[in-house]
């Protein structure tokens, strides 16, 4: 806060010293500007609130988070958009009251009406390899999965996948979808997945060594995911190359916070999750 006692010079008497007369503080760098279109998802720079633009006034913009909570911010407040600092600007045309269209979930689906009845969980399930996979699926598809009553569980690895499938006892109306990391030709994961032959089980996967790489690098402000030398643990190698603290749990939370909508994920991951959701919710076998 600027002191009224000393005015704009900060300390009295310094203006007459050599080299200080007329010196002005450098202007802060100008941040890129982004128009606050309805549905645009941003986070306040303090990392305390993330939401979509739902309206604006002359002096402020209103954001709403995924739980329906709203907060109002002045236009001058800096935000994070796709991981980069920006300021929001008013669109040229104010939205009509009915112009916003239906609410959308992070996956881009039309959101279910608020206040609907809780769904009973289906017998069908989706299994993913690890906790990070489950948290990323929840981040984008959580609302959709709750609306259709599908539970996602993580396995802690798929070495015992054939036994896990037998224990699940898949059958009509009790389908199992499994999302596998690094499902590429010749990988250990591909050989394990090939052992599953039930028509009531669908095993699909993405090509990434770890689910971290399913997040677009641009979301984190990097050009590409680093190449990690063979024999080096992938997560630790990535964190070291990026200059982040070598703490996989903290690194993952940093990555997950940057993910806002389905557009922040690679298509090879998006498509496989959508495929599993369609498989376990197929009305013809419900």
Protein backbone atom coordinates (compact mmCIF):
# COMPACT_ATOMS: atom_id res chain seq x y z
CA UNK A 1 0.00 0.00 0.00
CA UNK A 2 1.40 3.42 -0.91
CA UNK A 3 1.92 5.76 2.05
CA UNK A 4 0.06 9.04 1.83
CA UNK A 5 2.71 10.60 4.06
CA UNK A 6 5.53 10.13 1.57
CA UNK A 7 3.54 10.41 -1.63
CA UNK A 8 4.81 8.73 -4.77
CA UNK A 9 8.54 9.19 -4.14
CA UNK A 10 8.72 6.53 -1.45
CA UNK A 11 11.38 8.27 0.73
CA UNK A 12 11.62 12.09 0.98
CA UNK A 13 14.75 13.85 -0.15
CA UNK A 14 16.09 11.18 -2.51
CA UNK A 15 14.96 12.97 -5.65
CA UNK A 16 17.85 15.42 -5.33
CA UNK A 17 20.59 12.78 -5.21
CA UNK A 18 22.75 12.20 -8.32
CA UNK A 19 21.48 9.46 -10.54
CA UNK A 20 18.07 9.27 -8.82
CA UNK A 21 16.33 12.36 -10.13
CA UNK A 22 13.41 11.44 -12.33
CA UNK A 23 14.02 7.69 -12.03
CA UNK A 24 10.81 5.72 -12.42
CA UNK A 25 10.04 2.17 -11.51
CA UNK A 26 9.98 -0.15 -14.53
CA UNK A 27 6.51 -0.98 -15.76
CA UNK A 28 5.41 -4.55 -15.00
CA UNK A 29 5.36 -6.80 -18.08
CA UNK A 30 2.07 -6.92 -19.92
CA UNK A 31 0.36 -10.29 -19.80
CA UNK A 32 -1.32 -11.80 -22.86
CA UNK A 33 -5.03 -11.05 -23.05
CA UNK A 34 -7.75 -13.67 -23.52
CA UNK A 35 -11.40 -12.86 -24.20
CA UNK A 36 -13.67 -14.18 -21.44
CA UNK A 37 -15.97 -16.26 -23.61
CA UNK A 38 -18.64 -18.32 -21.88
CA UNK A 39 -17.27 -21.68 -20.80
CA UNK A 40 -13.62 -20.60 -20.86
CA UNK A 41 -11.87 -22.40 -17.99
CA UNK A 42 -9.22 -20.48 -16.04
CA UNK A 43 -7.62 -20.50 -12.60
CA UNK A 44 -6.85 -17.50 -10.45
CA UNK A 45 -3.11 -16.89 -10.18
CA UNK A 46 -3.10 -17.80 -6.48
CA UNK A 47 -4.29 -21.32 -7.37
CA UNK A 48 -7.28 -21.05 -5.04
CA UNK A 49 -10.16 -21.19 -7.52
CA UNK A 50 -10.63 -22.80 -10.92
CA UNK A 51 -13.80 -22.40 -12.93
CA UNK A 52 -15.51 -21.57 -16.18
CA UNK A 53 -16.67 -18.13 -17.22
CA UNK A 54 -20.44 -17.89 -16.67
CA UNK A 55 -20.95 -14.14 -16.92
CA UNK A 56 -19.41 -10.69 -16.61
CA UNK A 57 -20.18 -7.11 -15.65
CA UNK A 58 -18.50 -3.81 -16.39
CA UNK A 59 -15.86 -4.27 -13.68
CA UNK A 60 -15.71 -8.01 -13.02
CA UNK A 61 -16.01 -11.53 -14.39
CA UNK A 62 -17.84 -14.43 -12.74
CA UNK A 63 -16.39 -17.95 -12.63
CA UNK A 64 -18.15 -21.15 -11.59
CA UNK A 65 -16.32 -24.29 -10.48
CA UNK A 66 -17.37 -27.90 -11.11
CA UNK A 67 -19.33 -27.94 -7.84
CA UNK A 68 -21.48 -24.95 -8.83
CA UNK A 69 -19.71 -22.48 -6.55
CA UNK A 70 -19.28 -19.02 -8.07
CA UNK A 71 -16.73 -16.28 -7.43
CA UNK A 72 -16.39 -12.79 -8.88
CA UNK A 73 -12.99 -11.39 -9.91
CA UNK A 74 -11.96 -7.95 -11.10
CA UNK A 75 -10.77 -7.80 -14.71
CA UNK A 76 -7.34 -6.66 -13.54
CA UNK A 77 -6.69 -9.91 -11.65
CA UNK A 78 -4.18 -12.24 -13.40
CA UNK A 79 -5.34 -15.76 -14.24
CA UNK A 80 -3.77 -18.97 -15.50
CA UNK A 81 -5.04 -20.24 -18.84
CA UNK A 82 -3.57 -23.50 -20.16
CA UNK A 83 -0.83 -23.07 -17.57
CA UNK A 84 0.16 -19.56 -18.72
CA UNK A 85 -0.46 -16.21 -16.93
CA UNK A 86 -3.02 -14.04 -18.74
CA UNK A 87 -5.53 -11.29 -18.11
CA UNK A 88 -9.13 -11.63 -19.20
CA UNK A 89 -10.92 -9.07 -21.31
CA UNK A 90 -14.59 -8.42 -21.85
CA UNK A 91 -16.03 -9.93 -25.05
CA UNK A 92 -17.49 -7.43 -27.48
CA UNK A 93 -21.05 -8.72 -27.05
CA UNK A 94 -22.67 -9.30 -23.68
CA UNK A 95 -24.33 -12.74 -23.51
CA UNK A 96 -28.10 -12.92 -23.56
CA UNK A 97 -29.61 -14.69 -20.56
CA UNK A 98 -30.38 -17.77 -22.64
CA UNK A 99 -27.28 -17.69 -24.83
CA UNK A 100 -25.02 -19.74 -22.60
CA UNK A 101 -26.46 -23.05 -23.77
CA UNK A 102 -26.39 -26.22 -21.70
CA UNK A 103 -23.77 -26.62 -18.99
CA UNK A 104 -20.87 -28.86 -19.95
CA UNK A 105 -18.70 -31.23 -17.96
CA UNK A 106 -14.91 -31.27 -18.26
CA UNK A 107 -15.26 -34.04 -20.88
CA UNK A 108 -17.42 -31.78 -23.05
CA UNK A 109 -20.63 -33.72 -22.35
CA UNK A 110 -23.89 -31.99 -21.50
CA UNK A 111 -24.07 -31.86 -17.72
CA UNK A 112 -26.93 -33.57 -15.92
CA UNK A 113 -29.47 -31.23 -14.29
CA UNK A 114 -28.45 -30.11 -10.82
CA UNK A 115 -30.23 -31.78 -7.95
CA UNK A 116 -30.89 -35.06 -9.78
CA UNK A 117 -31.22 -38.31 -7.88
CA UNK A 118 -28.03 -40.19 -7.06
CA UNK A 119 -27.43 -43.16 -9.37
CA UNK A 120 -27.06 -46.71 -8.09
CA UNK A 121 -23.65 -48.05 -9.13
CA UNK A 122 -23.71 -50.48 -12.04
CA UNK A 123 -22.31 -53.96 -11.73
CA UNK A 124 -19.98 -53.09 -14.61
CA UNK A 125 -16.67 -51.44 -13.72
CA UNK A 126 -13.66 -49.71 -15.23
CA UNK A 127 -10.22 -50.70 -13.95
CA UNK A 128 -7.11 -48.59 -14.50
CA UNK A 129 -3.50 -49.41 -13.66
CA UNK A 130 -2.63 -46.86 -11.01
CA UNK A 131 -3.78 -44.05 -8.76
CA UNK A 132 -2.65 -41.35 -11.18
CA UNK A 133 -4.68 -42.93 -13.99
CA UNK A 134 -7.74 -42.99 -11.73
CA UNK A 135 -7.28 -39.36 -10.68
CA UNK A 136 -6.93 -38.20 -14.27
CA UNK A 137 -10.06 -40.08 -15.32
CA UNK A 138 -11.92 -38.58 -12.36
CA UNK A 139 -10.68 -35.10 -13.28
CA UNK A 140 -12.23 -35.20 -16.74
CA UNK A 141 -14.97 -37.84 -16.66
CA UNK A 142 -15.94 -37.89 -12.98
CA UNK A 143 -19.26 -36.10 -13.45
CA UNK A 144 -20.16 -38.27 -16.44
CA UNK A 145 -19.33 -41.51 -14.64
CA UNK A 146 -21.37 -40.58 -11.59
CA UNK A 147 -24.29 -39.72 -13.83
CA UNK A 148 -24.26 -43.20 -15.39
CA UNK A 149 -23.35 -45.03 -12.19
CA UNK A 150 -19.93 -46.37 -13.25
CA UNK A 151 -17.20 -46.89 -10.66
CA UNK A 152 -13.51 -46.61 -11.57
CA UNK A 153 -10.95 -48.59 -9.53
CA UNK A 154 -7.18 -48.69 -9.76
CA UNK A 155 -5.19 -51.92 -9.61
CA UNK A 156 -1.64 -50.96 -8.72
CA UNK A 157 -0.36 -52.73 -11.84
CA UNK A 158 -1.66 -55.39 -14.22
CA UNK A 159 0.76 -58.28 -13.68
CA UNK A 160 -2.11 -60.31 -12.19
CA UNK A 161 -4.74 -59.13 -14.66
CA UNK A 162 -5.97 -62.62 -15.72
CA UNK A 163 -6.64 -63.53 -12.08
CA UNK A 164 -8.27 -60.15 -11.43
CA UNK A 165 -10.63 -60.69 -14.37
CA UNK A 166 -11.58 -64.17 -13.16
CA UNK A 167 -12.31 -62.80 -9.70
CA UNK A 168 -14.49 -60.07 -11.17
CA UNK A 169 -16.57 -62.75 -12.92
CA UNK A 170 -17.60 -60.83 -16.06
CA UNK A 171 -20.88 -61.77 -17.75
CA UNK A 172 -23.78 -60.06 -19.54
CA UNK A 173 -24.78 -57.01 -17.53
CA UNK A 174 -21.51 -57.20 -15.61
CA UNK A 175 -18.90 -55.88 -18.01
CA UNK A 176 -15.33 -54.93 -17.23
CA UNK A 177 -13.28 -52.30 -19.03
CA UNK A 178 -9.54 -52.11 -18.42
CA UNK A 179 -7.25 -49.19 -19.30
CA UNK A 180 -3.59 -50.19 -19.68
CA UNK A 181 -0.48 -48.01 -19.91
CA UNK A 182 2.07 -48.57 -22.68
CA UNK A 183 -0.06 -50.93 -24.74
CA UNK A 184 2.25 -51.13 -27.74
CA UNK A 185 3.61 -54.01 -29.84
CA UNK A 186 6.03 -56.18 -27.91
CA UNK A 187 5.46 -54.62 -24.49
CA UNK A 188 4.88 -56.65 -21.34
CA UNK A 189 1.47 -55.00 -21.03
CA UNK A 190 0.43 -56.15 -24.50
CA UNK A 191 1.36 -59.77 -23.75
CA UNK A 192 -0.65 -59.71 -20.51
CA UNK A 193 -3.66 -58.10 -22.19
CA UNK A 194 -3.62 -60.78 -24.92
CA UNK A 195 -4.48 -63.39 -22.30
CA UNK A 196 -7.92 -61.84 -21.72
CA UNK A 197 -10.46 -63.32 -24.14
CA UNK A 198 -13.86 -62.80 -22.51
CA UNK A 199 -16.47 -61.04 -24.70
CA UNK A 200 -17.56 -59.19 -21.56
CA UNK A 201 -14.13 -57.64 -21.00
CA UNK A 202 -12.55 -54.89 -23.07
CA UNK A 203 -8.86 -54.14 -22.56
CA UNK A 204 -7.60 -51.00 -24.28
CA UNK A 205 -4.56 -48.86 -23.74
CA UNK A 206 -2.59 -45.80 -24.64
CA UNK A 207 0.98 -45.74 -26.02
CA UNK A 208 2.56 -43.73 -23.20
CA UNK A 209 5.02 -45.25 -20.75
CA UNK A 210 3.19 -43.40 -17.99
CA UNK A 211 -0.15 -41.63 -17.83
CA UNK A 212 1.61 -38.33 -17.13
CA UNK A 213 2.45 -38.16 -20.82
CA UNK A 214 -1.25 -38.30 -21.70
CA UNK A 215 -1.34 -34.64 -20.64
CA UNK A 216 -0.39 -32.30 -23.47
CA UNK A 217 3.02 -30.72 -22.80
CA UNK A 218 1.69 -27.28 -23.75
CA UNK A 219 -0.64 -27.40 -20.75
CA UNK A 220 2.46 -27.33 -18.54
CA UNK A 221 4.27 -24.73 -20.60
CA UNK A 222 6.84 -27.17 -22.01
CA UNK A 223 7.57 -28.05 -25.62
CA UNK A 224 7.59 -31.83 -25.17
CA UNK A 225 7.91 -34.51 -22.53
CA UNK A 226 11.63 -35.17 -21.94
CA UNK A 227 13.31 -38.30 -23.26
CA UNK A 228 14.33 -40.45 -20.30
CA UNK A 229 17.35 -42.76 -20.72
CA UNK A 230 16.57 -46.46 -20.59
CA UNK A 231 17.07 -47.81 -17.09
CA UNK A 232 16.14 -44.53 -15.39
CA UNK A 233 12.78 -44.47 -13.57
CA UNK A 234 10.55 -42.50 -15.93
CA UNK A 235 8.90 -40.13 -13.45
CA UNK A 236 12.15 -39.28 -11.68
CA UNK A 237 13.88 -38.79 -15.03
CA UNK A 238 11.15 -36.42 -16.21
CA UNK A 239 11.25 -34.37 -13.01
CA UNK A 240 15.02 -34.07 -13.18
CA UNK A 241 14.96 -33.01 -16.84
CA UNK A 242 12.29 -30.39 -16.13
CA UNK A 243 14.17 -29.03 -13.15
CA UNK A 244 11.30 -29.81 -10.80
CA UNK A 245 11.81 -31.29 -7.31
CA UNK A 246 12.29 -35.05 -7.63
CA UNK A 247 9.07 -35.83 -5.77
CA UNK A 248 6.67 -37.84 -7.98
CA UNK A 249 3.65 -37.19 -5.75
CA UNK A 250 4.18 -33.41 -5.80
CA UNK A 251 5.04 -33.50 -9.50
CA UNK A 252 1.81 -35.31 -10.31
CA UNK A 253 -0.29 -32.85 -8.33
CA UNK A 254 1.33 -30.02 -10.28
CA UNK A 255 0.43 -31.76 -13.53
CA UNK A 256 -3.09 -32.63 -12.45
CA UNK A 257 -3.85 -29.06 -11.36
CA UNK A 258 -3.01 -27.88 -14.87
CA UNK A 259 -5.63 -30.19 -16.45
CA UNK A 260 -8.98 -28.45 -16.87
CA UNK A 261 -10.89 -30.00 -19.75
CA UNK A 262 -10.67 -32.86 -22.25
CA UNK A 263 -8.75 -30.54 -24.58
CA UNK A 264 -5.77 -30.74 -22.22
CA UNK A 265 -5.32 -34.47 -22.92
CA UNK A 266 -3.89 -36.35 -25.87
CA UNK A 267 -6.45 -37.90 -28.27
CA UNK A 268 -4.84 -41.35 -27.85
CA UNK A 269 -5.87 -41.27 -24.20
CA UNK A 270 -9.24 -39.56 -24.65
CA UNK A 271 -10.44 -42.04 -27.22
CA UNK A 272 -9.62 -45.08 -25.11
CA UNK A 273 -11.45 -43.82 -22.03
CA UNK A 274 -14.51 -42.91 -24.09
CA UNK A 275 -14.40 -46.38 -25.64
CA UNK A 276 -14.42 -48.01 -22.20
CA UNK A 277 -17.31 -45.86 -20.98
CA UNK A 278 -19.35 -46.82 -24.04
CA UNK A 279 -18.51 -50.49 -23.51
CA UNK A 280 -19.58 -50.69 -19.87
CA UNK A 281 -22.74 -48.60 -20.39
CA UNK A 282 -23.96 -50.35 -23.57
CA UNK A 283 -27.77 -50.44 -23.10
CA UNK A 284 -28.02 -53.67 -25.10
CA UNK A 285 -26.21 -55.61 -22.38
CA UNK A 286 -27.30 -53.65 -19.30
